[in-house]
Protein backbone atom coordinates (compact mmCIF):
# COMPACT_ATOMS: atom_id res chain seq x y z
CA UNK A 1 22.46 -8.86 29.77
CA UNK A 2 22.35 -5.83 27.57
CA UNK A 3 20.06 -6.06 24.55
CA UNK A 4 21.62 -5.34 21.19
CA UNK A 5 20.46 -2.06 19.76
CA UNK A 6 17.67 -2.40 17.22
CA UNK A 7 18.72 -1.44 13.72
CA UNK A 8 16.56 1.45 12.55
CA UNK A 9 14.32 0.77 9.56
CA UNK A 10 15.79 1.96 6.30
CA UNK A 11 13.68 4.54 4.55
CA UNK A 12 13.08 3.72 0.93
CA UNK A 13 13.88 6.48 -1.50
CA UNK A 14 14.04 7.12 -5.19
CA UNK A 15 13.76 4.07 -7.44
CA UNK A 16 13.54 1.64 -4.52
CA UNK A 17 10.51 3.49 -3.17
CA UNK A 18 8.86 3.72 -6.58
CA UNK A 19 9.38 -0.02 -7.18
CA UNK A 20 7.88 -0.81 -3.78
CA UNK A 21 4.84 1.37 -4.50
CA UNK A 22 4.30 -0.24 -7.91
CA UNK A 23 4.64 -3.70 -6.38
CA UNK A 24 2.00 -2.75 -3.83
CA UNK A 25 -0.29 -1.43 -6.56
CA UNK A 26 0.15 -4.65 -8.52
CA UNK A 27 -0.77 -6.75 -5.47
CA UNK A 28 -3.91 -4.67 -4.94
CA UNK A 29 -4.84 -5.03 -8.61
CA UNK A 30 -4.42 -8.82 -8.55
CA UNK A 31 -6.33 -9.18 -5.29
CA UNK A 32 -9.13 -6.65 -5.74
CA UNK A 33 -9.31 -6.09 -9.50
CA UNK A 34 -9.45 -2.78 -11.27
CA UNK A 35 -12.46 -1.58 -9.27
CA UNK A 36 -10.48 -2.05 -6.07
CA UNK A 37 -7.36 -0.29 -7.35
CA UNK A 38 -7.71 2.93 -5.37
CA UNK A 39 -5.06 5.24 -4.01
CA UNK A 40 -6.32 4.46 -0.49
CA UNK A 41 -5.87 0.72 -1.04
CA UNK A 42 -2.41 1.10 -2.58
CA UNK A 43 -1.27 3.43 0.21
CA UNK A 44 -2.46 0.92 2.81
CA UNK A 45 -0.74 -1.95 1.03
CA UNK A 46 2.52 0.01 0.84
CA UNK A 47 2.24 1.34 4.42
CA UNK A 48 2.54 4.90 3.20
CA UNK A 49 0.35 7.94 2.65
CA UNK A 50 -1.69 8.87 -0.39
CA UNK A 51 0.34 12.04 -0.77
CA UNK A 52 3.43 9.89 -1.50
CA UNK A 53 1.50 8.27 -4.35
CA UNK A 54 0.00 11.48 -5.70
CA UNK A 55 3.41 13.15 -5.87
CA UNK A 56 4.44 10.49 -8.39
CA UNK A 57 1.16 9.65 -10.11
CA UNK A 58 -1.48 12.40 -10.04
CA UNK A 59 -4.25 10.03 -11.16
CA UNK A 60 -5.12 6.36 -11.26
CA UNK A 61 -4.51 6.27 -15.01
CA UNK A 62 -0.96 7.54 -14.41
CA UNK A 63 -0.44 4.76 -11.89
CA UNK A 64 -1.81 2.13 -14.31
CA UNK A 65 0.50 3.44 -17.04
CA UNK A 66 3.54 3.14 -14.75
CA UNK A 67 2.54 -0.37 -13.71
CA UNK A 68 2.12 -1.55 -17.29
CA UNK A 69 5.36 -0.03 -18.56
CA UNK A 70 7.20 -1.69 -15.69
CA UNK A 71 5.60 -5.08 -16.31
CA UNK A 72 5.99 -5.23 -20.08
CA UNK A 73 8.84 -7.62 -20.85
CA UNK A 74 11.91 -5.58 -21.69
CA UNK A 75 13.32 -8.17 -24.11
CA UNK A 76 12.10 -7.48 -27.65
CA UNK A 77 9.84 -10.01 -29.25
CA UNK A 78 11.72 -12.41 -31.48
CA UNK A 79 11.14 -12.26 -35.22
CA UNK A 80 10.21 -15.88 -35.96
CA UNK A 81 11.75 -17.33 -39.12
CA UNK A 82 10.74 -20.97 -39.35
CA UNK A 83 10.92 -21.13 -43.13
CA UNK A 84 7.16 -21.19 -43.74
CA UNK A 85 4.37 -18.65 -43.43
CA UNK A 86 2.23 -20.92 -41.29
CA UNK A 87 5.13 -21.74 -38.97
CA UNK A 88 6.04 -18.08 -38.56
CA UNK A 89 2.45 -17.12 -37.79
CA UNK A 90 2.09 -19.85 -35.18
CA UNK A 91 5.31 -18.72 -33.48
CA UNK A 92 4.15 -15.10 -33.50
CA UNK A 93 0.76 -15.93 -32.00
CA UNK A 94 2.44 -17.89 -29.22
CA UNK A 95 4.51 -14.80 -28.42
CA UNK A 96 1.40 -12.61 -28.44
CA UNK A 97 -0.26 -15.00 -26.00
CA UNK A 98 2.75 -15.14 -23.68
CA UNK A 99 3.17 -11.36 -23.58
CA UNK A 100 -0.53 -10.77 -22.99
CA UNK A 101 -0.71 -13.27 -20.14
CA UNK A 102 2.47 -11.85 -18.57
CA UNK A 103 0.56 -8.62 -17.93
CA UNK A 104 -2.15 -10.49 -16.04
CA UNK A 105 -4.57 -8.26 -14.16
CA UNK A 106 -3.14 -5.13 -15.77
CA UNK A 107 -4.85 -5.95 -19.07
CA UNK A 108 -8.43 -5.13 -17.92
CA UNK A 109 -7.05 -2.05 -16.16
CA UNK A 110 -5.35 -0.96 -19.35
CA UNK A 111 -8.52 -1.50 -21.36
CA UNK A 112 -10.61 0.46 -18.85
CA UNK A 113 -8.28 3.48 -19.03
CA UNK A 114 -7.83 3.35 -22.82
CA UNK A 115 -10.64 5.63 -24.09
CA UNK A 116 -9.48 9.23 -24.44
CA UNK A 117 -6.14 8.66 -22.73
CA UNK A 118 -3.21 9.08 -25.15
CA UNK A 119 -0.66 7.89 -22.59
CA UNK A 120 -2.51 4.61 -22.08
CA UNK A 121 -2.83 4.27 -25.86
CA UNK A 122 0.95 4.62 -26.04
CA UNK A 123 1.40 2.03 -23.28
CA UNK A 124 -0.76 -0.37 -25.28
CA UNK A 125 1.36 0.29 -28.35
CA UNK A 126 4.52 -0.45 -26.38
CA UNK A 127 2.99 -3.60 -24.90
CA UNK A 128 1.46 -5.06 -28.04
CA UNK A 129 2.51 -3.03 -31.09
CA UNK A 130 5.69 -4.96 -31.87
CA UNK A 131 3.61 -7.87 -33.15
CA UNK A 132 2.33 -5.80 -36.09
CA UNK A 133 5.86 -5.06 -37.26
CA UNK A 134 6.77 -8.74 -36.94
CA UNK A 135 3.66 -9.72 -38.91
CA UNK A 136 4.82 -7.44 -41.72
CA UNK A 137 8.26 -9.06 -41.65
CA UNK A 138 6.58 -12.46 -41.87
CA UNK A 139 4.50 -11.32 -44.86
CA UNK A 140 7.60 -9.92 -46.57
CA UNK A 141 9.41 -13.24 -46.30
CA UNK A 142 6.35 -15.19 -47.40
CA UNK A 143 6.05 -13.03 -50.53
CA UNK A 144 9.72 -13.57 -51.30
CA UNK A 145 9.20 -17.33 -51.04
CA UNK A 146 6.14 -17.14 -53.28
CA UNK A 147 3.72 -18.25 -50.55
CA UNK A 148 1.53 -15.14 -50.93
CA UNK A 149 1.12 -12.93 -54.03
CA UNK A 150 2.14 -9.70 -52.27
CA UNK A 151 3.36 -8.43 -48.92
CA UNK A 152 1.49 -5.15 -49.41
CA UNK A 153 -1.45 -6.16 -47.25
CA UNK A 154 -3.94 -3.71 -45.81
CA UNK A 155 -3.12 -2.94 -42.16
CA UNK A 156 -6.50 -4.33 -41.09
CA UNK A 157 -5.75 -7.57 -42.94
CA UNK A 158 -2.33 -7.86 -41.35
CA UNK A 159 -3.72 -7.22 -37.86
CA UNK A 160 -6.82 -9.43 -38.13
CA UNK A 161 -5.38 -12.65 -36.66
CA UNK A 162 -3.53 -10.68 -33.97
CA UNK A 163 -6.63 -8.77 -32.95
CA UNK A 164 -8.73 -11.94 -32.83
CA UNK A 165 -6.08 -13.53 -30.65
CA UNK A 166 -6.09 -10.54 -28.29
CA UNK A 167 -9.87 -10.56 -28.08
CA UNK A 168 -9.84 -14.23 -27.11
CA UNK A 169 -7.12 -13.57 -24.54
CA UNK A 170 -9.00 -10.61 -23.08
CA UNK A 171 -12.24 -12.58 -22.78
CA UNK A 172 -10.68 -15.67 -21.19
CA UNK A 173 -7.47 -14.37 -19.57
CA UNK A 174 -6.03 -17.78 -20.46
CA UNK A 175 -3.16 -18.56 -22.86
CA UNK A 176 -4.09 -19.56 -26.39
CA UNK A 177 -3.96 -23.31 -26.80
CA UNK A 178 -2.56 -24.95 -29.92
CA UNK A 179 -6.03 -25.63 -31.34
CA UNK A 180 -6.90 -21.92 -31.15
CA UNK A 181 -3.57 -20.97 -32.73
CA UNK A 182 -4.06 -23.50 -35.54
CA UNK A 183 -7.55 -22.13 -36.22
CA UNK A 184 -6.30 -18.53 -36.34
CA UNK A 185 -3.54 -19.48 -38.77
CA UNK A 186 -5.45 -21.89 -41.03
CA UNK A 187 -8.89 -20.31 -41.02
CA UNK A 188 -8.08 -16.62 -40.68
CA UNK A 189 -4.52 -15.60 -41.49
CA UNK A 190 -3.64 -17.83 -44.44
CA UNK A 191 -6.87 -17.17 -46.40
CA UNK A 192 -6.74 -13.42 -45.67
CA UNK A 193 -3.10 -13.20 -46.71
CA UNK A 194 -3.93 -15.01 -49.96
CA UNK A 195 -1.70 -17.98 -49.20
CA UNK A 196 -1.16 -20.70 -51.77
CA UNK A 197 -1.32 -24.37 -50.90
CA UNK A 198 2.48 -24.51 -50.97
CA UNK A 199 2.51 -22.26 -47.90
CA UNK A 200 1.38 -25.20 -45.77
CA UNK A 201 2.72 -28.07 -47.84
CA UNK A 202 5.23 -28.92 -45.10
CA UNK A 203 2.83 -28.25 -42.27
CA UNK A 204 1.83 -31.27 -40.15
CA UNK A 205 -1.78 -30.10 -40.35
CA UNK A 206 -3.82 -30.44 -43.56
CA UNK A 207 -4.11 -27.38 -45.77
CA UNK A 208 -7.48 -25.64 -45.50
CA UNK A 209 -9.50 -26.25 -48.68
CA UNK A 210 -10.06 -22.54 -49.36
CA UNK A 211 -6.40 -21.69 -50.00
CA UNK A 212 -5.55 -20.44 -53.45
CA UNK A 213 -4.37 -23.11 -55.84
CA UNK A 214 -0.76 -22.88 -56.99
């Protein structure tokens, strides 16, 4: 009996090769953490040589950047329009939590490479910056409805609940639960935005006592 000829292995090239290398890097990152994300480890995982990696990504920060940009969800974040400021903010914070968690082990890697690296700063903006624009849209609608006196909030004020959410996510690497989201909305965002009591009049939760009176 004559054995069938063995089909030669197909060499990966171009985008297929790059995707395979980034998948290997992601597996190393999830298994060994950022400290274990070395070119040696990635090359071993991908069954290739370090020179193949270095031709595409001259440094580890370049590799991290490519991994993050590939993993960031391509679909734009949805501008929530629930009809109330508190409802919009809750929906936005849920999106922030989902996007953050979707990046998994890449988040600590991103944070470690952030100082002094403009490309990583840009990757962070791509990954998380859309939420700031959506928060401004939410404030604009709330001002139009009379829930807050003005939509011209200081950038730091607008970002405060988002940044607190991200800090919590970074420290725990767990999704925000509803209690945490409610606290960020009721105890941080609504008071900072100058919300009136009418902004949560239809909310199932009680209005915080420090809201401005109508």
